[in-house]
Amino acid sequence: MADSVMTLEQFEEFAKTLPEDVDRRKVAKAMGLELPVVIPELSEQLAEAGLVTHTPKETKRNPNPQETLYVAVPSLKLDPNNGTRGFWVKASVARRVAERILAICDDNSL
């Protein structure tokens, strides 16, 4: 019995029949295919940045934890093999951090 290989176009047609919650990439991999990696524009990825409030757990050392506001920067996919981790910056210092980053970029022609 000959092994038949499904093309990406055939897989796309097949994938239309899958439920929405199924991970298409995992199904393709199980079928011996690798889907092309689509990396959104950096501006689209950065659109996910926003404010996050966080209240730590109550502990013996911190019996009355206070809610804190952060600026959340999402993880960014730069190319198929490279990306960055997401991080939070305390909102009270976020502008100063951003200004320092811009100064470093300006000083180094980035």
N, C-alpha and C. Protein backbone atom coordinates (compact mmCIF):
# COMPACT_ATOMS: atom_id res chain seq x y z
N MET A 1 0.83 -1.17 0.00
CA MET A 1 0.00 0.00 0.00
C MET A 1 0.89 1.25 0.00
N ALA A 2 0.70 2.13 -0.94
CA ALA A 2 1.52 3.32 -1.07
C ALA A 2 1.08 4.39 -0.08
N ASP A 3 2.08 5.09 0.46
CA ASP A 3 1.76 6.20 1.36
C ASP A 3 1.30 7.39 0.52
N SER A 4 0.15 7.94 0.88
CA SER A 4 -0.31 9.13 0.16
C SER A 4 0.01 10.36 1.01
N VAL A 5 0.47 11.40 0.36
CA VAL A 5 0.85 12.62 1.04
C VAL A 5 -0.21 13.67 0.73
N MET A 6 -0.70 14.30 1.77
CA MET A 6 -1.70 15.35 1.62
C MET A 6 -0.98 16.68 1.39
N THR A 7 -1.47 17.46 0.44
CA THR A 7 -0.90 18.78 0.20
C THR A 7 -1.48 19.75 1.22
N LEU A 8 -0.85 20.92 1.34
CA LEU A 8 -1.36 21.94 2.25
C LEU A 8 -2.76 22.39 1.84
N GLU A 9 -3.00 22.47 0.53
CA GLU A 9 -4.32 22.86 0.05
C GLU A 9 -5.38 21.83 0.45
N GLN A 10 -5.03 20.55 0.33
CA GLN A 10 -5.96 19.49 0.74
C GLN A 10 -6.19 19.54 2.25
N PHE A 11 -5.12 19.81 3.00
CA PHE A 11 -5.27 19.90 4.44
C PHE A 11 -6.19 21.06 4.81
N GLU A 12 -6.04 22.21 4.13
CA GLU A 12 -6.90 23.36 4.42
C GLU A 12 -8.37 23.02 4.19
N GLU A 13 -8.66 22.27 3.15
CA GLU A 13 -10.04 21.84 2.90
C GLU A 13 -10.52 20.91 4.02
N PHE A 14 -9.67 19.96 4.39
CA PHE A 14 -10.00 19.04 5.48
C PHE A 14 -10.19 19.80 6.79
N ALA A 15 -9.33 20.79 7.05
CA ALA A 15 -9.38 21.54 8.31
C ALA A 15 -10.68 22.31 8.47
N LYS A 16 -11.34 22.66 7.37
CA LYS A 16 -12.63 23.36 7.45
C LYS A 16 -13.70 22.51 8.12
N THR A 17 -13.51 21.19 8.12
CA THR A 17 -14.49 20.29 8.72
C THR A 17 -14.23 20.06 10.21
N LEU A 18 -13.08 20.53 10.70
CA LEU A 18 -12.73 20.34 12.11
C LEU A 18 -13.48 21.32 13.00
N PRO A 19 -13.78 20.93 14.24
CA PRO A 19 -14.38 21.88 15.17
C PRO A 19 -13.44 23.06 15.42
N GLU A 20 -14.00 24.22 15.77
CA GLU A 20 -13.20 25.43 15.95
C GLU A 20 -12.16 25.33 17.06
N ASP A 21 -12.44 24.52 18.09
CA ASP A 21 -11.52 24.45 19.23
C ASP A 21 -10.35 23.49 19.02
N VAL A 22 -10.26 22.86 17.85
CA VAL A 22 -9.17 21.92 17.56
C VAL A 22 -7.94 22.70 17.10
N ASP A 23 -6.79 22.32 17.62
CA ASP A 23 -5.52 22.96 17.24
C ASP A 23 -5.10 22.42 15.87
N ARG A 24 -5.30 23.23 14.84
CA ARG A 24 -5.01 22.82 13.46
C ARG A 24 -3.55 22.43 13.28
N ARG A 25 -2.66 23.16 13.96
CA ARG A 25 -1.23 22.89 13.82
C ARG A 25 -0.89 21.48 14.33
N LYS A 26 -1.50 21.08 15.46
CA LYS A 26 -1.23 19.74 16.01
C LYS A 26 -1.79 18.65 15.10
N VAL A 27 -2.97 18.89 14.52
CA VAL A 27 -3.56 17.91 13.60
C VAL A 27 -2.67 17.77 12.37
N ALA A 28 -2.20 18.88 11.84
CA ALA A 28 -1.32 18.84 10.67
C ALA A 28 -0.04 18.07 10.99
N LYS A 29 0.53 18.33 12.14
CA LYS A 29 1.76 17.65 12.53
C LYS A 29 1.54 16.14 12.65
N ALA A 30 0.40 15.76 13.22
CA ALA A 30 0.07 14.34 13.34
C ALA A 30 -0.08 13.68 11.97
N MET A 31 -0.44 14.48 10.97
CA MET A 31 -0.61 13.96 9.61
C MET A 31 0.67 14.10 8.79
N GLY A 32 1.77 14.54 9.44
CA GLY A 32 3.04 14.64 8.76
C GLY A 32 3.22 15.93 7.97
N LEU A 33 2.40 16.93 8.25
CA LEU A 33 2.51 18.23 7.57
C LEU A 33 2.97 19.29 8.54
N GLU A 34 3.61 20.31 8.01
CA GLU A 34 3.97 21.46 8.83
C GLU A 34 3.35 22.69 8.20
N LEU A 35 2.47 23.34 8.95
CA LEU A 35 1.80 24.53 8.44
C LEU A 35 2.76 25.71 8.45
N PRO A 36 2.62 26.60 7.47
CA PRO A 36 3.48 27.78 7.48
C PRO A 36 3.18 28.65 8.70
N VAL A 37 4.22 29.25 9.24
CA VAL A 37 4.07 30.11 10.41
C VAL A 37 3.72 31.51 9.94
N VAL A 38 2.58 32.02 10.41
CA VAL A 38 2.17 33.37 10.08
C VAL A 38 2.45 34.24 11.29
N ILE A 39 3.33 35.22 11.11
CA ILE A 39 3.71 36.10 12.21
C ILE A 39 3.01 37.44 12.00
N PRO A 40 2.13 37.82 12.93
CA PRO A 40 1.45 39.10 12.79
C PRO A 40 2.43 40.27 12.85
N GLU A 41 2.03 41.38 12.25
CA GLU A 41 2.84 42.59 12.31
C GLU A 41 3.10 42.96 13.77
N LEU A 42 4.24 43.57 14.02
CA LEU A 42 4.61 43.97 15.38
C LEU A 42 3.55 44.89 15.98
N SER A 43 3.01 45.79 15.18
CA SER A 43 1.98 46.71 15.70
C SER A 43 0.74 45.95 16.14
N GLU A 44 0.39 44.87 15.42
CA GLU A 44 -0.76 44.05 15.82
C GLU A 44 -0.48 43.34 17.15
N GLN A 45 0.73 42.83 17.29
CA GLN A 45 1.08 42.13 18.52
C GLN A 45 1.10 43.10 19.71
N LEU A 46 1.63 44.31 19.47
CA LEU A 46 1.70 45.30 20.54
C LEU A 46 0.33 45.86 20.91
N ALA A 47 -0.64 45.67 20.05
CA ALA A 47 -2.00 46.13 20.36
C ALA A 47 -2.55 45.40 21.58
N GLU A 48 -1.96 44.26 21.91
CA GLU A 48 -2.39 43.50 23.09
C GLU A 48 -1.85 44.07 24.39
N ALA A 49 -0.94 45.04 24.32
CA ALA A 49 -0.42 45.68 25.54
C ALA A 49 -1.56 46.40 26.23
N GLY A 50 -1.52 46.43 27.54
CA GLY A 50 -2.59 47.09 28.27
C GLY A 50 -2.29 47.15 29.75
N LEU A 51 -3.31 47.53 30.51
CA LEU A 51 -3.16 47.64 31.96
C LEU A 51 -3.65 46.37 32.64
N VAL A 52 -2.96 46.00 33.70
CA VAL A 52 -3.32 44.82 34.49
C VAL A 52 -3.28 45.23 35.96
N THR A 53 -4.31 44.85 36.69
CA THR A 53 -4.26 45.05 38.14
C THR A 53 -3.98 43.69 38.78
N HIS A 54 -3.16 43.73 39.80
CA HIS A 54 -2.78 42.48 40.47
C HIS A 54 -2.78 42.71 41.97
N THR A 55 -3.36 41.76 42.68
CA THR A 55 -3.34 41.78 44.14
C THR A 55 -2.65 40.50 44.59
N PRO A 56 -1.52 40.61 45.30
CA PRO A 56 -0.82 39.42 45.77
C PRO A 56 -1.68 38.64 46.78
N LYS A 57 -1.31 37.39 46.98
CA LYS A 57 -2.01 36.58 47.98
C LYS A 57 -1.73 37.12 49.38
N GLU A 58 -2.68 36.90 50.23
CA GLU A 58 -2.51 37.27 51.63
C GLU A 58 -1.59 36.23 52.29
N THR A 59 -0.57 36.72 52.98
CA THR A 59 0.38 35.84 53.66
C THR A 59 0.61 36.37 55.08
N LYS A 60 1.37 35.60 55.86
CA LYS A 60 1.71 36.05 57.21
C LYS A 60 2.54 37.33 57.16
N ARG A 61 3.44 37.42 56.19
CA ARG A 61 4.30 38.60 56.05
C ARG A 61 3.56 39.78 55.43
N ASN A 62 2.50 39.49 54.67
CA ASN A 62 1.74 40.54 54.00
C ASN A 62 0.24 40.28 54.23
N PRO A 63 -0.24 40.58 55.45
CA PRO A 63 -1.63 40.25 55.77
C PRO A 63 -2.66 41.12 55.05
N ASN A 64 -2.26 42.28 54.56
CA ASN A 64 -3.18 43.18 53.85
C ASN A 64 -2.58 43.58 52.50
N PRO A 65 -2.58 42.66 51.53
CA PRO A 65 -1.97 42.99 50.23
C PRO A 65 -2.75 44.10 49.52
N GLN A 66 -2.01 44.94 48.82
CA GLN A 66 -2.61 46.06 48.10
C GLN A 66 -2.62 45.76 46.60
N GLU A 67 -3.69 46.16 45.96
CA GLU A 67 -3.79 46.02 44.51
C GLU A 67 -2.79 46.97 43.85
N THR A 68 -2.11 46.47 42.81
CA THR A 68 -1.11 47.27 42.10
C THR A 68 -1.44 47.28 40.62
N LEU A 69 -1.21 48.42 39.98
CA LEU A 69 -1.48 48.58 38.56
C LEU A 69 -0.18 48.43 37.77
N TYR A 70 -0.23 47.64 36.69
CA TYR A 70 0.93 47.38 35.84
C TYR A 70 0.58 47.65 34.39
N VAL A 71 1.60 47.95 33.58
CA VAL A 71 1.47 47.97 32.13
C VAL A 71 2.00 46.61 31.68
N ALA A 72 1.16 45.86 30.98
CA ALA A 72 1.54 44.53 30.51
C ALA A 72 1.96 44.61 29.04
N VAL A 73 3.19 44.16 28.77
CA VAL A 73 3.70 44.08 27.40
C VAL A 73 3.66 42.60 27.02
N PRO A 74 2.98 42.26 25.91
CA PRO A 74 2.85 40.85 25.55
C PRO A 74 4.15 40.26 25.02
N SER A 75 4.24 38.94 24.99
CA SER A 75 5.36 38.30 24.33
C SER A 75 5.21 38.59 22.83
N LEU A 76 6.32 38.74 22.16
CA LEU A 76 6.31 39.10 20.75
C LEU A 76 7.01 38.03 19.93
N LYS A 77 6.41 37.67 18.81
CA LYS A 77 7.02 36.72 17.88
C LYS A 77 7.70 37.54 16.80
N LEU A 78 9.03 37.44 16.70
CA LEU A 78 9.79 38.24 15.74
C LEU A 78 10.00 37.54 14.41
N ASP A 79 10.25 36.24 14.47
CA ASP A 79 10.37 35.40 13.28
C ASP A 79 10.11 33.97 13.75
N PRO A 80 10.09 32.99 12.85
CA PRO A 80 9.74 31.64 13.28
C PRO A 80 10.58 31.08 14.42
N ASN A 81 11.80 31.58 14.59
CA ASN A 81 12.69 31.03 15.62
C ASN A 81 13.01 31.98 16.76
N ASN A 82 12.52 33.21 16.71
CA ASN A 82 12.88 34.19 17.73
C ASN A 82 11.66 34.96 18.22
N GLY A 83 11.71 35.31 19.49
CA GLY A 83 10.65 36.08 20.08
C GLY A 83 11.11 36.68 21.40
N THR A 84 10.19 37.32 22.07
CA THR A 84 10.49 37.91 23.37
C THR A 84 9.49 37.39 24.39
N ARG A 85 9.82 37.52 25.64
CA ARG A 85 8.89 37.17 26.71
C ARG A 85 8.05 38.39 27.05
N GLY A 86 6.83 38.13 27.47
CA GLY A 86 6.00 39.21 27.95
C GLY A 86 6.46 39.64 29.33
N PHE A 87 6.11 40.85 29.72
CA PHE A 87 6.49 41.32 31.05
C PHE A 87 5.53 42.40 31.52
N TRP A 88 5.55 42.63 32.82
CA TRP A 88 4.76 43.69 33.44
C TRP A 88 5.71 44.74 34.00
N VAL A 89 5.34 46.00 33.86
CA VAL A 89 6.09 47.11 34.45
C VAL A 89 5.12 47.86 35.34
N LYS A 90 5.55 48.12 36.56
CA LYS A 90 4.69 48.87 37.48
C LYS A 90 4.29 50.18 36.82
N ALA A 91 3.00 50.47 36.82
CA ALA A 91 2.47 51.63 36.11
C ALA A 91 3.09 52.94 36.58
N SER A 92 3.44 52.99 37.85
CA SER A 92 4.01 54.23 38.39
C SER A 92 5.38 54.56 37.80
N VAL A 93 6.06 53.59 37.19
CA VAL A 93 7.37 53.84 36.60
C VAL A 93 7.40 53.53 35.09
N ALA A 94 6.31 53.11 34.51
CA ALA A 94 6.29 52.67 33.11
C ALA A 94 6.74 53.76 32.16
N ARG A 95 6.28 54.99 32.36
CA ARG A 95 6.66 56.08 31.45
C ARG A 95 8.17 56.33 31.52
N ARG A 96 8.75 56.31 32.72
CA ARG A 96 10.19 56.53 32.85
C ARG A 96 10.98 55.40 32.19
N VAL A 97 10.50 54.17 32.32
CA VAL A 97 11.16 53.03 31.68
C VAL A 97 11.09 53.20 30.17
N ALA A 98 9.91 53.54 29.65
CA ALA A 98 9.74 53.72 28.21
C ALA A 98 10.63 54.85 27.69
N GLU A 99 10.72 55.95 28.42
CA GLU A 99 11.58 57.06 28.00
C GLU A 99 13.04 56.64 27.97
N ARG A 100 13.46 55.85 28.93
CA ARG A 100 14.86 55.38 28.97
C ARG A 100 15.13 54.44 27.79
N ILE A 101 14.18 53.57 27.48
CA ILE A 101 14.32 52.67 26.33
C ILE A 101 14.46 53.49 25.05
N LEU A 102 13.62 54.51 24.89
CA LEU A 102 13.71 55.37 23.71
C LEU A 102 15.06 56.09 23.65
N ALA A 103 15.57 56.55 24.76
CA ALA A 103 16.86 57.22 24.79
C ALA A 103 17.99 56.28 24.35
N ILE A 104 17.93 55.04 24.81
CA ILE A 104 18.94 54.04 24.41
C ILE A 104 18.83 53.79 22.91
N CYS A 105 17.63 53.66 22.41
CA CYS A 105 17.43 53.44 20.97
C CYS A 105 17.97 54.62 20.17
N ASP A 106 17.67 55.84 20.63
CA ASP A 106 18.16 57.04 19.93
C ASP A 106 19.68 57.12 19.95
N ASP A 107 20.28 56.82 21.09
CA ASP A 107 21.74 56.89 21.23
C ASP A 107 22.46 55.87 20.34
N ASN A 108 21.76 54.77 20.04
CA ASN A 108 22.38 53.69 19.26
C ASN A 108 21.80 53.57 17.86
N SER A 109 21.07 54.58 17.42
CA SER A 109 20.48 54.61 16.07
C SER A 109 19.64 53.36 15.77
N LEU A 110 18.85 52.97 16.73
CA LEU A 110 17.99 51.78 16.55
C LEU A 110 16.60 52.22 16.13
